[in-house]
C-alpha atoms as a PDB file:
ATOM      1  CA  MET A   1      99.096 117.684  81.203  1.00  0.00           C
ATOM      2  CA  ASN A   2     101.280 116.931  84.215  1.00  0.00           C
ATOM      3  CA  GLN A   3      99.165 116.334  87.864  1.00  0.00           C
ATOM      4  CA  PRO A   4     100.805 114.970  91.033  1.00  0.00           C
ATOM      5  CA  ILE A   5     100.935 111.815  91.127  1.00  0.00           C
ATOM      6  CA  ILE A   6      99.964 110.314  95.230  1.00  0.00           C
ATOM      7  CA  SER A   7     102.703 107.868  95.696  1.00  0.00           C
ATOM      8  CA  ILE A   8     101.415 105.160  98.580  1.00  0.00           C
ATOM      9  CA  ALA A   9     104.447 103.270  99.123  1.00  0.00           C
ATOM     10  CA  ILE A  10     103.624 100.832 101.682  1.00  0.00           C
ATOM     11  CA  ASP A  11     105.656  98.121 102.502  1.00  0.00           C
ATOM     12  CA  ALA A  12     104.845  94.454 103.872  1.00  0.00           C
ATOM     13  CA  MET A  13     105.444  96.358 107.193  1.00  0.00           C
ATOM     14  CA  GLY A  14     103.007  98.975 107.234  1.00  0.00           C
ATOM     15  CA  GLY A  15     106.563 100.904 106.671  1.00  0.00           C
ATOM     16  CA  ASP A  16     106.849 105.271 106.886  1.00  0.00           C
ATOM     17  CA  ASN A  17     103.855 105.854 104.821  1.00  0.00           C
ATOM     18  CA  SER A  18     101.456 105.304 107.293  1.00  0.00           C
ATOM     19  CA  PRO A  19      97.371 105.218 105.713  1.00  0.00           C
ATOM     20  CA  LYS A  20      96.958 107.834 107.892  1.00  0.00           C
ATOM     21  CA  LYS A  21     100.190 110.033 107.068  1.00  0.00           C
ATOM     22  CA  VAL A  22      98.738 109.226 102.938  1.00  0.00           C
ATOM     23  CA  ILE A  23      95.218 110.360 104.051  1.00  0.00           C
ATOM     24  CA  ASP A  24      96.893 113.954 105.827  1.00  0.00           C
ATOM     25  CA  GLY A  25      98.429 114.246 102.942  1.00  0.00           C
ATOM     26  CA  ILE A  26      95.497 113.817 100.708  1.00  0.00           C
ATOM     27  CA  ILE A  27      93.405 116.422 102.363  1.00  0.00           C
ATOM     28  CA  HIS A  28      95.920 119.105 102.592  1.00  0.00           C
ATOM     29  CA  ASN A  29      97.157 118.883  98.885  1.00  0.00           C
ATOM     30  CA  HIS A  30      92.960 119.226  98.735  1.00  0.00           C
ATOM     31  CA  LYS A  31      92.557 122.350 101.047  1.00  0.00           C
ATOM     32  CA  ASN A  32      95.412 123.978  99.780  1.00  0.00           C
ATOM     33  CA  ASN A  33      93.845 123.258  95.953  1.00  0.00           C
ATOM     34  CA  LYS A  34      97.049 121.417  95.168  1.00  0.00           C
ATOM     35  CA  ALA A  35      95.074 118.656  94.157  1.00  0.00           C
ATOM     36  CA  ASN A  36      93.695 117.748  90.258  1.00  0.00           C
ATOM     37  CA  PHE A  37      90.787 115.126  89.851  1.00  0.00           C
ATOM     38  CA  THR A  38      90.493 113.934  86.794  1.00  0.00           C
ATOM     39  CA  PRO A  39      87.120 112.290  86.267  1.00  0.00           C
ATOM     40  CA  GLN A  40      86.983 108.359  85.044  1.00  0.00           C
ATOM     41  CA  ASP A  41      86.878 107.414  81.366  1.00  0.00           C
ATOM     42  CA  GLU A  42      83.325 105.354  81.644  1.00  0.00           C
ATOM     43  CA  THR A  43      84.183 103.811  78.070  1.00  0.00           C
ATOM     44  CA  LYS A  44      87.318 102.302  79.728  1.00  0.00           C
ATOM     45  CA  VAL A  45      85.740 101.100  82.725  1.00  0.00           C
ATOM     46  CA  VAL A  46      86.347  96.797  83.434  1.00  0.00           C
ATOM     47  CA  TYR A  47      85.553  94.926  85.808  1.00  0.00           C
ATOM     48  CA  ALA A  48      88.165  92.387  87.451  1.00  0.00           C
ATOM     49  CA  LYS A  49      87.779  89.003  87.193  1.00  0.00           C
ATOM     50  CA  LYS A  50      87.575  87.063  90.872  1.00  0.00           C
ATOM     51  CA  ILE A  51      90.906  86.123  92.148  1.00  0.00           C
ATOM     52  CA  ALA A  52      91.153  82.363  92.366  1.00  0.00           C
ATOM     53  CA  LYS A  53      93.174  80.700  94.944  1.00  0.00           C
ATOM     54  CA  ILE A  54      96.194  79.471  93.176  1.00  0.00           C
ATOM     55  CA  GLU A  55      97.040  82.852  91.837  1.00  0.00           C
ATOM     56  CA  SER A  56      97.664  84.317  95.866  1.00  0.00           C
ATOM     57  CA  LYS A  57     100.192  81.002  96.015  1.00  0.00           C
ATOM     58  CA  ILE A  58     103.658  82.201  96.350  1.00  0.00           C
ATOM     59  CA  ASN A  59     105.826  81.283  93.823  1.00  0.00           C
ATOM     60  CA  TRP A  60     109.515  81.402  94.344  1.00  0.00           C
ATOM     61  CA  ASN A  61     110.838  81.495  91.014  1.00  0.00           C
ATOM     62  CA  GLU A  62     109.949  85.354  90.963  1.00  0.00           C
ATOM     63  CA  SER A  63     111.823  87.631  92.905  1.00  0.00           C
ATOM     64  CA  ALA A  64     111.754  88.932  96.625  1.00  0.00           C
ATOM     65  CA  GLU A  65     110.136  91.875  95.565  1.00  0.00           C
ATOM     66  CA  GLU A  66     107.427  90.843  93.209  1.00  0.00           C
ATOM     67  CA  ILE A  67     106.589  88.410  96.210  1.00  0.00           C
ATOM     68  CA  LEU A  68     106.298  91.431  98.552  1.00  0.00           C
ATOM     69  CA  ALA A  69     103.805  92.973  96.467  1.00  0.00           C
ATOM     70  CA  LYS A  70     101.750  89.966  96.056  1.00  0.00           C
ATOM     71  CA  ILE A  71     101.804  90.213  99.506  1.00  0.00           C
ATOM     72  CA  ARG A  72     100.446  93.934 100.100  1.00  0.00           C
ATOM     73  CA  ALA A  73      98.146  93.370  96.809  1.00  0.00           C
ATOM     74  CA  PHE A  74      96.472  89.880  98.372  1.00  0.00           C
ATOM     75  CA  TYR A  75      96.556  91.181 102.068  1.00  0.00           C
ATOM     76  CA  PRO A  76      93.883  90.098 104.209  1.00  0.00           C
ATOM     77  CA  ASN A  77      92.482  88.496 101.502  1.00  0.00           C
ATOM     78  CA  PRO A  78      93.000  86.021  99.771  1.00  0.00           C
ATOM     79  CA  GLY A  79      96.383  86.251 101.217  1.00  0.00           C
ATOM     80  CA  THR A  80      99.244  84.476  99.948  1.00  0.00           C
ATOM     81  CA  TRP A  81     101.154  81.628 101.295  1.00  0.00           C
ATOM     82  CA  PHE A  82     102.960  78.329 100.383  1.00  0.00           C
ATOM     83  CA  GLU A  83     102.818  74.939 101.090  1.00  0.00           C
ATOM     84  CA  LEU A  84     105.357  73.717 103.974  1.00  0.00           C
ATOM     85  CA  ASN A  85     105.200  70.053 105.088  1.00  0.00           C
ATOM     86  CA  GLY A  86     101.306  69.509 103.677  1.00  0.00           C
ATOM     87  CA  LYS A  87     100.242  72.576 105.434  1.00  0.00           C
ATOM     88  CA  ARG A  88      99.138  75.895 103.976  1.00  0.00           C
ATOM     89  CA  ILE A  89     101.281  78.749 105.383  1.00  0.00           C
ATOM     90  CA  LYS A  90      99.685  82.312 104.499  1.00  0.00           C
ATOM     91  CA  ILE A  91     102.622  84.618 104.864  1.00  0.00           C
ATOM     92  CA  THR A  92     101.516  88.710 106.254  1.00  0.00           C
ATOM     93  CA  LYS A  93     104.308  90.507 106.892  1.00  0.00           C
ATOM     94  CA  ALA A  94     107.815  89.733 104.930  1.00  0.00           C
ATOM     95  CA  ILE A  95     110.948  91.780 103.858  1.00  0.00           C
ATOM     96  CA  ALA A  96     113.215  91.158 101.345  1.00  0.00           C
ATOM     97  CA  VAL A  97     116.899  90.780 101.828  1.00  0.00           C
ATOM     98  CA  GLU A  98     119.948  90.401 100.195  1.00  0.00           C
ATOM     99  CA  LYS A  99     120.676  86.489 100.004  1.00  0.00           C
ATOM    100  CA  THR A 100     121.003  83.631  97.033  1.00  0.00           C
ATOM    101  CA  ASP A 101     120.628  80.279  97.129  1.00  0.00           C
ATOM    102  CA  LYS A 102     118.170  77.186  95.545  1.00  0.00           C
ATOM    103  CA  VAL A 103     114.876  78.777  94.826  1.00  0.00           C
ATOM    104  CA  GLY A 104     112.357  77.793  97.325  1.00  0.00           C
ATOM    105  CA  ALA A 105     115.146  76.878  99.678  1.00  0.00           C
ATOM    106  CA  ILE A 106     115.219  77.578 103.251  1.00  0.00           C
ATOM    107  CA  ILE A 107     118.156  79.750 103.742  1.00  0.00           C
ATOM    108  CA  ASP A 108     118.292  80.225 107.696  1.00  0.00           C
ATOM    109  CA  PRO A 109     115.722  78.094 109.181  1.00  0.00           C
ATOM    110  CA  ASN A 110     115.897  80.535 112.552  1.00  0.00           C
ATOM    111  CA  LYS A 111     115.050  83.863 110.501  1.00  0.00           C
ATOM    112  CA  MET A 112     112.908  81.974 107.757  1.00  0.00           C
ATOM    113  CA  ILE A 113     114.233  83.570 104.889  1.00  0.00           C
ATOM    114  CA  ILE A 114     113.878  81.665 101.657  1.00  0.00           C
ATOM    115  CA  ALA A 115     115.695  82.029  98.133  1.00  0.00           C
ATOM    116  CA  CYS A 116     113.695  83.670  95.160  1.00  0.00           C
ATOM    117  CA  LYS A 117     114.458  84.105  91.572  1.00  0.00           C
ATOM    118  CA  LYS A 118     116.373  87.403  92.911  1.00  0.00           C
ATOM    119  CA  ASN A 119     117.082  87.720  96.306  1.00  0.00           C
ATOM    120  CA  ALA A 120     115.178  86.300  99.488  1.00  0.00           C
ATOM    121  CA  LEU A 121     112.667  86.571 101.113  1.00  0.00           C
ATOM    122  CA  GLN A 122     112.510  87.055 105.773  1.00  0.00           C
ATOM    123  CA  ILE A 123     108.962  85.980 107.163  1.00  0.00           C
ATOM    124  CA  LEU A 124     108.140  87.767 109.979  1.00  0.00           C
ATOM    125  CA  GLU A 125     104.694  87.094 110.729  1.00  0.00           C
ATOM    126  CA  LEU A 126     102.534  84.211 109.603  1.00  0.00           C
ATOM    127  CA  LYS A 127      99.409  82.142 110.159  1.00  0.00           C
ATOM    128  CA  LYS A 128      99.543  78.414 109.449  1.00  0.00           C
ATOM    129  CA  GLU A 129      96.357  76.650 108.306  1.00  0.00           C
ATOM    130  CA  GLY A 130      93.518  76.202 111.056  1.00  0.00           C
ATOM    131  CA  LYS A 131      95.772  78.868 113.946  1.00  0.00           C
ATOM    132  CA  LYS A 132      95.862  82.230 115.003  1.00  0.00           C
ATOM    133  CA  LEU A 133      98.448  84.722 113.752  1.00  0.00           C
ATOM    134  CA  MET A 134     102.433  84.372 114.920  1.00  0.00           C
ATOM    135  CA  GLN A 135     105.271  86.212 114.226  1.00  0.00           C
ATOM    136  CA  VAL A 136     107.320  83.988 113.424  1.00  0.00           C
ATOM    137  CA  ASN A 137     109.714  83.067 116.071  1.00  0.00           C
ATOM    138  CA  GLU A 138     106.828  81.645 117.275  1.00  0.00           C
ATOM    139  CA  PHE A 139     105.937  79.808 114.630  1.00  0.00           C
ATOM    140  CA  LEU A 140     109.726  78.723 114.675  1.00  0.00           C
ATOM    141  CA  LYS A 141     109.296  77.575 118.383  1.00  0.00           C
ATOM    142  CA  GLY A 142     106.849  74.369 117.561  1.00  0.00           C
ATOM    143  CA  ASN A 143     107.700  74.102 114.078  1.00  0.00           C
ATOM    144  CA  LYS A 144     111.154  71.726 112.615  1.00  0.00           C
ATOM    145  CA  ILE A 145     112.300  73.571 109.607  1.00  0.00           C
ATOM    146  CA  LYS A 146     115.604  72.852 107.711  1.00  0.00           C
ATOM    147  CA  ILE A 147     118.107  74.596 106.078  1.00  0.00           C
ATOM    148  CA  GLY A 148     117.999  73.724 102.646  1.00  0.00           C
ATOM    149  CA  GLN A 149     114.351  72.258 103.012  1.00  0.00           C
ATOM    150  CA  ILE A 150     112.303  73.432  99.735  1.00  0.00           C
ATOM    151  CA  LEU A 151     108.994  74.719  99.503  1.00  0.00           C
ATOM    152  CA  SER A 152     106.358  74.600  97.560  1.00  0.00           C
END
């Protein structure tokens, strides 16, 4: 059976597919009888186990795209995080960029770009343990990071 698939592709920055636009599209399809609903098969229902904090820790050996997917999946809680100088840093917004270096290394300390297995991650917004949410440029004013520094 061919059914239209509603794609909700919202990137880590909110993207062009804002939740309002997605919901408006769903309502429009429903009003115009273009939406087909399929009842859930109750025999296939499963419960998800609680997410352990370690599951949301960033593994720089994954591609930038995989890490971005985790940022979206775990936002706002439990959030994705890494450690910098013994402190937990939660990432709330980031983008993938085409750069390479040693996995987990800071490539550009002025833009907070970190190398991943494939491509790199540019952090745009983060939250330091015990601090408020901030843009990366605010974070960099009070935190010295070095090119080549490896994150865990």
